[in-house]
N, C-alpha and C. Protein backbone atom coordinates (compact mmCIF):
# COMPACT_ATOMS: atom_id res chain seq x y z
N MET A 1 -5.67 -50.15 178.25
CA MET A 1 -5.49 -48.91 177.52
C MET A 1 -6.27 -47.80 178.20
N SER A 2 -5.69 -46.64 178.28
CA SER A 2 -6.31 -45.49 178.90
C SER A 2 -7.52 -45.02 178.09
N SER A 3 -8.52 -44.48 178.80
CA SER A 3 -9.69 -43.94 178.12
C SER A 3 -9.52 -42.47 177.77
N PHE A 4 -8.34 -41.90 178.05
CA PHE A 4 -8.08 -40.51 177.72
C PHE A 4 -7.95 -40.36 176.22
N PRO A 5 -8.38 -39.21 175.67
CA PRO A 5 -8.27 -39.00 174.22
C PRO A 5 -6.81 -38.95 173.78
N ARG A 6 -6.57 -39.49 172.58
CA ARG A 6 -5.21 -39.54 172.04
C ARG A 6 -5.20 -38.99 170.62
N ASP A 7 -4.06 -38.46 170.21
CA ASP A 7 -3.93 -37.99 168.83
C ASP A 7 -3.60 -39.17 167.93
N GLU A 8 -3.38 -38.89 166.64
CA GLU A 8 -3.13 -39.96 165.68
C GLU A 8 -1.85 -40.74 165.96
N ASN A 9 -0.96 -40.20 166.81
CA ASN A 9 0.27 -40.90 167.20
C ASN A 9 0.15 -41.63 168.52
N GLY A 10 -1.05 -41.61 169.11
CA GLY A 10 -1.28 -42.30 170.37
C GLY A 10 -0.90 -41.49 171.60
N VAL A 11 -0.54 -40.23 171.43
CA VAL A 11 -0.14 -39.39 172.56
C VAL A 11 -1.40 -38.88 173.27
N THR A 12 -1.42 -38.99 174.59
CA THR A 12 -2.56 -38.52 175.37
C THR A 12 -2.71 -37.01 175.22
N LEU A 13 -3.94 -36.58 174.93
CA LEU A 13 -4.22 -35.16 174.73
C LEU A 13 -4.59 -34.45 176.02
N ALA A 14 -5.32 -35.09 176.90
CA ALA A 14 -5.76 -34.47 178.15
C ALA A 14 -6.11 -35.54 179.14
N ASP A 15 -6.16 -35.15 180.41
CA ASP A 15 -6.47 -36.14 181.43
C ASP A 15 -7.87 -35.98 182.02
N THR A 16 -8.71 -35.13 181.45
CA THR A 16 -10.10 -35.01 181.86
C THR A 16 -10.94 -34.81 180.61
N ASP A 17 -12.24 -34.97 180.75
CA ASP A 17 -13.13 -34.80 179.61
C ASP A 17 -13.06 -33.41 179.00
N TRP A 18 -12.83 -32.38 179.81
CA TRP A 18 -12.84 -31.01 179.33
C TRP A 18 -11.48 -30.35 179.51
N GLY A 19 -10.40 -31.15 179.46
CA GLY A 19 -9.05 -30.63 179.68
C GLY A 19 -8.47 -29.87 178.50
N LEU A 20 -9.10 -29.94 177.34
CA LEU A 20 -8.58 -29.25 176.16
C LEU A 20 -9.34 -27.96 175.97
N LYS A 21 -8.60 -26.90 175.60
CA LYS A 21 -9.29 -25.64 175.37
C LYS A 21 -8.57 -24.82 174.32
N ALA A 22 -9.35 -23.95 173.70
CA ALA A 22 -8.83 -22.96 172.76
C ALA A 22 -9.46 -21.64 173.17
N GLU A 23 -8.69 -20.56 173.06
CA GLU A 23 -9.21 -19.25 173.44
C GLU A 23 -9.03 -18.24 172.31
N LYS A 24 -9.98 -17.31 172.25
CA LYS A 24 -9.91 -16.23 171.26
C LYS A 24 -10.60 -15.01 171.84
N THR A 25 -9.93 -13.86 171.75
CA THR A 25 -10.54 -12.61 172.17
C THR A 25 -10.90 -11.81 170.92
N MET A 26 -12.14 -11.36 170.87
CA MET A 26 -12.62 -10.53 169.77
C MET A 26 -12.77 -9.10 170.29
N THR A 27 -12.04 -8.17 169.67
CA THR A 27 -12.12 -6.75 170.00
C THR A 27 -12.82 -6.05 168.84
N PHE A 28 -13.79 -5.23 169.17
CA PHE A 28 -14.63 -4.60 168.16
C PHE A 28 -14.30 -3.14 167.94
N ALA A 29 -14.28 -2.75 166.68
CA ALA A 29 -14.15 -1.36 166.26
C ALA A 29 -14.97 -1.22 164.98
N GLY A 30 -16.29 -1.36 165.12
CA GLY A 30 -17.20 -1.43 163.98
C GLY A 30 -17.19 -0.23 163.06
N GLY A 31 -16.63 0.88 163.52
CA GLY A 31 -16.49 2.03 162.65
C GLY A 31 -15.34 1.87 161.67
N THR A 32 -14.54 0.81 161.86
CA THR A 32 -13.40 0.52 160.98
C THR A 32 -13.86 -0.48 159.92
N ALA A 33 -13.62 -0.17 158.67
CA ALA A 33 -14.05 -1.04 157.57
C ALA A 33 -13.51 -2.46 157.75
N ASN A 34 -14.40 -3.42 157.60
CA ASN A 34 -14.10 -4.85 157.60
C ASN A 34 -13.63 -5.41 158.94
N ASP A 35 -13.75 -4.64 160.02
CA ASP A 35 -13.53 -5.13 161.37
C ASP A 35 -14.64 -6.15 161.68
N PRO A 36 -14.40 -7.11 162.58
CA PRO A 36 -15.48 -8.06 162.93
C PRO A 36 -16.74 -7.37 163.47
N GLY A 37 -16.62 -6.15 163.98
CA GLY A 37 -17.79 -5.41 164.45
C GLY A 37 -18.50 -4.63 163.36
N ASP A 38 -17.92 -4.59 162.15
CA ASP A 38 -18.52 -3.89 161.01
C ASP A 38 -19.60 -4.78 160.41
N TYR A 39 -20.85 -4.43 160.70
CA TYR A 39 -22.00 -5.24 160.31
C TYR A 39 -21.99 -5.68 158.85
N ASP A 40 -21.69 -4.78 157.93
CA ASP A 40 -21.74 -5.14 156.51
C ASP A 40 -20.35 -5.24 155.89
N GLY A 41 -19.33 -5.46 156.70
CA GLY A 41 -17.97 -5.60 156.19
C GLY A 41 -17.56 -7.05 155.98
N SER A 42 -16.43 -7.24 155.36
CA SER A 42 -15.96 -8.59 155.05
C SER A 42 -15.45 -9.36 156.27
N GLY A 43 -15.30 -8.70 157.42
CA GLY A 43 -14.88 -9.37 158.64
C GLY A 43 -16.03 -9.98 159.42
N ASN A 44 -17.23 -9.88 158.88
CA ASN A 44 -18.44 -10.40 159.52
C ASN A 44 -19.17 -11.31 158.55
N PRO A 45 -19.43 -12.57 158.87
CA PRO A 45 -19.14 -13.21 160.15
C PRO A 45 -17.64 -13.45 160.34
N ALA A 46 -17.26 -13.64 161.60
CA ALA A 46 -15.87 -13.92 161.96
C ALA A 46 -15.78 -15.35 162.48
N THR A 47 -14.81 -16.09 161.97
CA THR A 47 -14.59 -17.44 162.48
C THR A 47 -13.86 -17.35 163.81
N LEU A 48 -14.45 -17.95 164.84
CA LEU A 48 -13.84 -17.98 166.16
C LEU A 48 -12.93 -19.20 166.30
N PHE A 49 -13.46 -20.37 165.92
CA PHE A 49 -12.72 -21.62 166.09
C PHE A 49 -12.92 -22.52 164.87
N THR A 50 -11.84 -23.11 164.40
CA THR A 50 -11.94 -24.09 163.31
C THR A 50 -12.04 -25.48 163.93
N VAL A 51 -12.88 -26.30 163.33
CA VAL A 51 -13.16 -27.64 163.84
C VAL A 51 -12.66 -28.66 162.83
N THR A 52 -11.80 -29.56 163.30
CA THR A 52 -11.29 -30.65 162.47
C THR A 52 -11.76 -31.96 163.11
N GLY A 53 -12.37 -32.82 162.34
CA GLY A 53 -12.89 -34.07 162.89
C GLY A 53 -14.16 -33.81 163.67
N GLU A 54 -14.59 -34.81 164.41
CA GLU A 54 -15.80 -34.67 165.22
C GLU A 54 -15.38 -34.37 166.66
N VAL A 55 -16.03 -33.36 167.24
CA VAL A 55 -15.68 -32.92 168.59
C VAL A 55 -16.94 -32.65 169.41
N GLN A 56 -16.77 -32.69 170.70
CA GLN A 56 -17.80 -32.26 171.64
C GLN A 56 -17.27 -30.96 172.24
N VAL A 57 -18.12 -29.92 172.30
CA VAL A 57 -17.65 -28.62 172.77
C VAL A 57 -18.60 -27.99 173.78
N ARG A 58 -18.03 -27.11 174.58
CA ARG A 58 -18.76 -26.16 175.43
C ARG A 58 -18.10 -24.81 175.18
N LEU A 59 -18.89 -23.77 175.01
CA LEU A 59 -18.33 -22.45 174.73
C LEU A 59 -18.68 -21.48 175.85
N LEU A 60 -17.64 -20.86 176.41
CA LEU A 60 -17.79 -19.84 177.44
C LEU A 60 -17.43 -18.50 176.83
N ALA A 61 -18.31 -17.53 176.97
CA ALA A 61 -18.04 -16.17 176.48
C ALA A 61 -18.12 -15.22 177.66
N VAL A 62 -17.07 -14.41 177.83
CA VAL A 62 -17.03 -13.43 178.91
C VAL A 62 -16.76 -12.06 178.29
N CYS A 63 -17.61 -11.10 178.62
CA CYS A 63 -17.40 -9.74 178.14
C CYS A 63 -16.28 -9.12 178.98
N ILE A 64 -15.19 -8.72 178.32
CA ILE A 64 -14.07 -8.14 179.07
C ILE A 64 -14.04 -6.61 178.97
N THR A 65 -14.67 -6.06 177.95
CA THR A 65 -14.88 -4.61 177.83
C THR A 65 -16.30 -4.43 177.32
N SER A 66 -17.11 -3.65 178.02
CA SER A 66 -18.52 -3.47 177.64
C SER A 66 -18.66 -3.11 176.17
N LEU A 67 -19.70 -3.68 175.53
CA LEU A 67 -19.92 -3.44 174.11
C LEU A 67 -20.77 -2.18 173.89
N ALA A 68 -20.49 -1.49 172.80
CA ALA A 68 -21.26 -0.30 172.41
C ALA A 68 -21.63 -0.46 170.95
N GLY A 69 -22.73 0.18 170.57
CA GLY A 69 -23.11 0.12 169.18
C GLY A 69 -24.59 0.26 168.92
N GLY A 70 -25.25 1.19 169.57
CA GLY A 70 -26.66 1.48 169.26
C GLY A 70 -27.53 0.25 169.28
N SER A 71 -28.06 -0.12 168.13
CA SER A 71 -28.99 -1.25 168.04
C SER A 71 -28.30 -2.54 167.60
N ALA A 72 -27.00 -2.64 167.75
CA ALA A 72 -26.24 -3.81 167.31
C ALA A 72 -26.67 -5.07 168.06
N THR A 73 -26.66 -6.18 167.33
CA THR A 73 -26.92 -7.49 167.93
C THR A 73 -25.80 -8.44 167.52
N ILE A 74 -25.66 -9.52 168.30
CA ILE A 74 -24.58 -10.47 168.07
C ILE A 74 -25.07 -11.87 168.44
N GLU A 75 -24.53 -12.88 167.76
CA GLU A 75 -24.86 -14.28 168.05
C GLU A 75 -23.67 -15.15 167.67
N VAL A 76 -23.69 -16.39 168.16
CA VAL A 76 -22.62 -17.34 167.86
C VAL A 76 -23.24 -18.66 167.43
N GLY A 77 -22.71 -19.21 166.34
CA GLY A 77 -23.23 -20.48 165.85
C GLY A 77 -22.36 -21.06 164.77
N LEU A 78 -23.01 -21.67 163.80
CA LEU A 78 -22.35 -22.31 162.67
C LEU A 78 -22.97 -21.75 161.40
N SER A 79 -22.29 -21.87 160.30
CA SER A 79 -22.86 -21.44 159.02
C SER A 79 -24.17 -22.19 158.81
N GLY A 80 -25.23 -21.46 158.52
CA GLY A 80 -26.53 -22.08 158.31
C GLY A 80 -27.36 -22.18 159.58
N ASN A 81 -26.75 -22.00 160.73
CA ASN A 81 -27.45 -22.03 162.01
C ASN A 81 -26.72 -21.06 162.94
N THR A 82 -26.84 -19.78 162.63
CA THR A 82 -25.95 -18.77 163.22
C THR A 82 -26.19 -18.47 164.69
N ALA A 83 -27.30 -18.91 165.26
CA ALA A 83 -27.54 -18.70 166.69
C ALA A 83 -27.57 -20.03 167.44
N ALA A 84 -26.98 -21.06 166.87
CA ALA A 84 -27.04 -22.40 167.47
C ALA A 84 -26.31 -22.50 168.80
N VAL A 85 -25.23 -21.75 168.97
CA VAL A 85 -24.41 -21.89 170.18
C VAL A 85 -24.81 -20.86 171.23
N ILE A 86 -24.92 -19.58 170.84
CA ILE A 86 -25.40 -18.53 171.75
C ILE A 86 -26.42 -17.69 170.98
N ALA A 87 -27.59 -17.52 171.58
CA ALA A 87 -28.71 -16.83 170.94
C ALA A 87 -28.43 -15.36 170.65
N LEU A 88 -29.15 -14.83 169.68
CA LEU A 88 -29.07 -13.42 169.31
C LEU A 88 -29.28 -12.55 170.55
N THR A 89 -28.36 -11.59 170.73
CA THR A 89 -28.33 -10.75 171.93
C THR A 89 -28.09 -9.30 171.53
N THR A 90 -28.71 -8.37 172.22
CA THR A 90 -28.41 -6.95 172.02
C THR A 90 -27.02 -6.68 172.58
N ALA A 91 -26.14 -6.19 171.74
CA ALA A 91 -24.73 -6.02 172.11
C ALA A 91 -24.56 -5.11 173.32
N THR A 92 -25.32 -4.05 173.40
CA THR A 92 -25.13 -3.10 174.50
C THR A 92 -25.58 -3.66 175.85
N ASN A 93 -26.22 -4.82 175.87
CA ASN A 93 -26.55 -5.50 177.13
C ASN A 93 -25.35 -6.24 177.71
N MET A 94 -24.26 -6.29 176.96
CA MET A 94 -23.07 -7.02 177.41
C MET A 94 -22.14 -6.05 178.15
N VAL A 95 -21.98 -6.33 179.43
CA VAL A 95 -21.21 -5.47 180.33
C VAL A 95 -19.96 -6.21 180.79
N ALA A 96 -18.87 -5.50 180.92
CA ALA A 96 -17.61 -6.10 181.35
C ALA A 96 -17.80 -6.93 182.62
N GLY A 97 -17.23 -8.12 182.61
CA GLY A 97 -17.29 -9.01 183.77
C GLY A 97 -18.48 -9.94 183.80
N GLU A 98 -19.30 -9.92 182.75
CA GLU A 98 -20.48 -10.79 182.72
C GLU A 98 -20.29 -11.95 181.73
N PHE A 99 -20.95 -13.07 182.06
CA PHE A 99 -20.99 -14.22 181.17
C PHE A 99 -22.04 -13.98 180.10
N TRP A 100 -21.80 -14.55 178.93
CA TRP A 100 -22.80 -14.51 177.85
C TRP A 100 -23.00 -15.94 177.39
N HIS A 101 -24.19 -16.47 177.61
CA HIS A 101 -24.50 -17.84 177.19
C HIS A 101 -25.88 -17.96 176.57
N ASP A 102 -26.66 -16.87 176.63
CA ASP A 102 -27.99 -16.88 176.03
C ASP A 102 -28.37 -15.44 175.67
N ALA A 103 -29.64 -15.20 175.38
CA ALA A 103 -30.07 -13.88 174.93
C ALA A 103 -29.96 -12.79 175.99
N SER A 104 -29.69 -13.18 177.24
CA SER A 104 -29.58 -12.19 178.33
C SER A 104 -28.28 -12.40 179.09
N PRO A 105 -27.23 -11.62 178.78
CA PRO A 105 -25.98 -11.74 179.52
C PRO A 105 -26.23 -11.58 181.02
N ASP A 106 -25.43 -12.28 181.81
CA ASP A 106 -25.69 -12.41 183.24
C ASP A 106 -24.60 -11.85 184.12
N SER A 107 -24.69 -12.26 185.37
CA SER A 107 -23.77 -11.82 186.41
C SER A 107 -22.41 -12.49 186.30
N ALA A 108 -21.59 -12.25 187.30
CA ALA A 108 -20.23 -12.77 187.33
C ALA A 108 -20.16 -14.20 187.86
N ILE A 109 -21.28 -14.81 188.21
CA ILE A 109 -21.29 -16.19 188.68
C ILE A 109 -22.47 -16.92 188.05
N GLU A 110 -22.22 -18.14 187.61
CA GLU A 110 -23.24 -18.98 186.98
C GLU A 110 -23.01 -20.43 187.36
N GLU A 111 -24.05 -21.22 187.31
CA GLU A 111 -23.89 -22.67 187.44
C GLU A 111 -23.27 -23.18 186.15
N SER A 112 -22.40 -24.16 186.25
CA SER A 112 -21.73 -24.68 185.05
C SER A 112 -22.72 -25.30 184.07
N SER A 113 -23.91 -25.65 184.54
CA SER A 113 -24.92 -26.27 183.67
C SER A 113 -25.41 -25.31 182.58
N VAL A 114 -25.13 -24.00 182.69
CA VAL A 114 -25.58 -23.08 181.64
C VAL A 114 -24.76 -23.23 180.37
N LEU A 115 -23.58 -23.85 180.47
CA LEU A 115 -22.77 -24.09 179.27
C LEU A 115 -23.32 -25.32 178.56
N LYS A 116 -23.97 -25.10 177.43
CA LYS A 116 -24.54 -26.20 176.67
C LYS A 116 -23.43 -26.98 175.98
N GLU A 117 -23.65 -28.28 175.83
CA GLU A 117 -22.70 -29.13 175.11
C GLU A 117 -23.22 -29.37 173.70
N PHE A 118 -22.29 -29.36 172.75
CA PHE A 118 -22.64 -29.58 171.36
C PHE A 118 -21.68 -30.60 170.76
N ILE A 119 -22.17 -31.39 169.84
CA ILE A 119 -21.32 -32.26 169.02
C ILE A 119 -21.27 -31.60 167.65
N ILE A 120 -20.06 -31.35 167.17
CA ILE A 120 -19.87 -30.63 165.90
C ILE A 120 -19.05 -31.50 164.96
N VAL A 121 -19.44 -31.53 163.71
CA VAL A 121 -18.76 -32.35 162.71
C VAL A 121 -17.63 -31.58 162.04
N ASN A 122 -16.76 -32.32 161.40
CA ASN A 122 -15.60 -31.78 160.69
C ASN A 122 -15.98 -30.63 159.77
N GLY A 123 -15.29 -29.51 159.92
CA GLY A 123 -15.47 -28.38 159.02
C GLY A 123 -16.59 -27.43 159.40
N ALA A 124 -17.39 -27.76 160.42
CA ALA A 124 -18.46 -26.87 160.85
C ALA A 124 -17.87 -25.91 161.89
N ASP A 125 -17.17 -24.91 161.40
CA ASP A 125 -16.46 -23.98 162.28
C ASP A 125 -17.44 -23.13 163.09
N ILE A 126 -16.99 -22.69 164.28
CA ILE A 126 -17.80 -21.86 165.17
C ILE A 126 -17.57 -20.40 164.77
N ILE A 127 -18.67 -19.69 164.47
CA ILE A 127 -18.57 -18.33 163.98
C ILE A 127 -19.35 -17.35 164.86
N GLN A 128 -18.95 -16.10 164.79
CA GLN A 128 -19.63 -15.00 165.47
C GLN A 128 -20.23 -14.10 164.40
N ILE A 129 -21.48 -13.70 164.60
CA ILE A 129 -22.16 -12.86 163.62
C ILE A 129 -22.67 -11.59 164.29
N VAL A 130 -22.28 -10.44 163.76
CA VAL A 130 -22.88 -9.17 164.14
C VAL A 130 -24.08 -9.02 163.20
N ALA A 131 -25.29 -9.03 163.78
CA ALA A 131 -26.47 -9.26 162.95
C ALA A 131 -27.32 -8.04 162.61
N THR A 132 -27.15 -6.91 163.25
CA THR A 132 -28.06 -5.80 162.99
C THR A 132 -27.35 -4.51 162.61
N ALA A 133 -26.40 -4.09 163.40
CA ALA A 133 -25.69 -2.82 163.17
C ALA A 133 -24.28 -2.98 163.73
N ASN A 134 -23.41 -2.02 163.48
CA ASN A 134 -22.02 -2.09 163.93
C ASN A 134 -21.89 -2.14 165.45
N ILE A 135 -20.96 -2.99 165.92
CA ILE A 135 -20.52 -2.93 167.31
C ILE A 135 -19.27 -2.07 167.27
N THR A 136 -19.36 -0.88 167.85
CA THR A 136 -18.31 0.12 167.67
C THR A 136 -17.14 -0.02 168.64
N SER A 137 -17.36 -0.68 169.77
CA SER A 137 -16.26 -0.91 170.71
C SER A 137 -16.63 -2.02 171.67
N GLY A 138 -15.60 -2.54 172.37
CA GLY A 138 -15.80 -3.59 173.34
C GLY A 138 -14.99 -4.82 173.00
N ALA A 139 -15.03 -5.81 173.88
CA ALA A 139 -14.28 -7.05 173.66
C ALA A 139 -14.94 -8.21 174.40
N ILE A 140 -14.87 -9.38 173.76
CA ILE A 140 -15.38 -10.63 174.34
C ILE A 140 -14.27 -11.66 174.27
N LYS A 141 -14.05 -12.39 175.37
CA LYS A 141 -13.11 -13.51 175.36
C LYS A 141 -13.91 -14.79 175.29
N TYR A 142 -13.62 -15.58 174.26
CA TYR A 142 -14.27 -16.87 174.07
C TYR A 142 -13.31 -17.98 174.49
N THR A 143 -13.81 -18.92 175.28
CA THR A 143 -13.04 -20.11 175.64
C THR A 143 -13.85 -21.32 175.20
N CYS A 144 -13.27 -22.11 174.33
CA CYS A 144 -13.93 -23.32 173.83
C CYS A 144 -13.29 -24.51 174.53
N LEU A 145 -14.05 -25.16 175.41
CA LEU A 145 -13.62 -26.40 176.04
C LEU A 145 -14.05 -27.52 175.10
N TRP A 146 -13.16 -28.44 174.80
CA TRP A 146 -13.51 -29.43 173.80
C TRP A 146 -12.92 -30.80 174.10
N TYR A 147 -13.52 -31.78 173.48
CA TYR A 147 -13.14 -33.18 173.64
C TYR A 147 -13.22 -33.84 172.26
N PRO A 148 -12.16 -34.53 171.83
CA PRO A 148 -12.20 -35.16 170.51
C PRO A 148 -13.07 -36.42 170.51
N LEU A 149 -13.85 -36.58 169.46
CA LEU A 149 -14.67 -37.78 169.31
C LEU A 149 -14.15 -38.66 168.18
N SER A 150 -13.26 -38.16 167.37
CA SER A 150 -12.65 -38.95 166.30
C SER A 150 -11.13 -38.75 166.34
N ILE A 151 -10.40 -39.71 165.77
CA ILE A 151 -8.94 -39.64 165.76
C ILE A 151 -8.50 -38.38 165.03
N GLY A 152 -7.59 -37.64 165.64
CA GLY A 152 -7.06 -36.43 165.02
C GLY A 152 -7.95 -35.21 165.12
N ALA A 153 -9.07 -35.33 165.81
CA ALA A 153 -9.99 -34.20 165.94
C ALA A 153 -9.36 -33.11 166.78
N LYS A 154 -9.70 -31.85 166.45
CA LYS A 154 -9.19 -30.73 167.24
C LYS A 154 -10.03 -29.48 166.99
N VAL A 155 -9.91 -28.56 167.93
CA VAL A 155 -10.52 -27.23 167.83
C VAL A 155 -9.39 -26.24 168.03
N GLU A 156 -9.29 -25.27 167.12
CA GLU A 156 -8.22 -24.28 167.20
C GLU A 156 -8.81 -22.88 167.02
N ALA A 157 -8.25 -21.92 167.76
CA ALA A 157 -8.65 -20.53 167.57
C ALA A 157 -8.31 -20.12 166.14
N ALA A 158 -9.23 -19.42 165.49
CA ALA A 158 -9.01 -18.99 164.10
C ALA A 158 -8.17 -17.75 164.06
């Protein structure tokens, strides 16, 4: 029997450990009520990815349009541990073409080891939190590389 992950029907899901991915682009307009960039609106926190079953994940975040918003901060995590995946960062430090994986967004090249691996349980969705003030413009593309650890497990863009 193959060691590749399979769905509940026995169909092979991917041929490598990190062959599965989900993508989501978040565009900010924090001056708009309830936008994900609106610090005190209903769109914050924003669910990036829903998690079904137990999964192993790596999250890559790339700033595709520089962020603006005065003293705005942003982080990625889970409910109850909102900076578990990517630490709290000043939004205006995020410049187009840079990776974001910790409190200091970086250059256009990184060692793959900067992508931390996490094991996440069923229902612990990955969320983005604007934590201080509105992010008024900009965009981040999130790519979640994932591997199922339980039958039927999956990660989907929200």
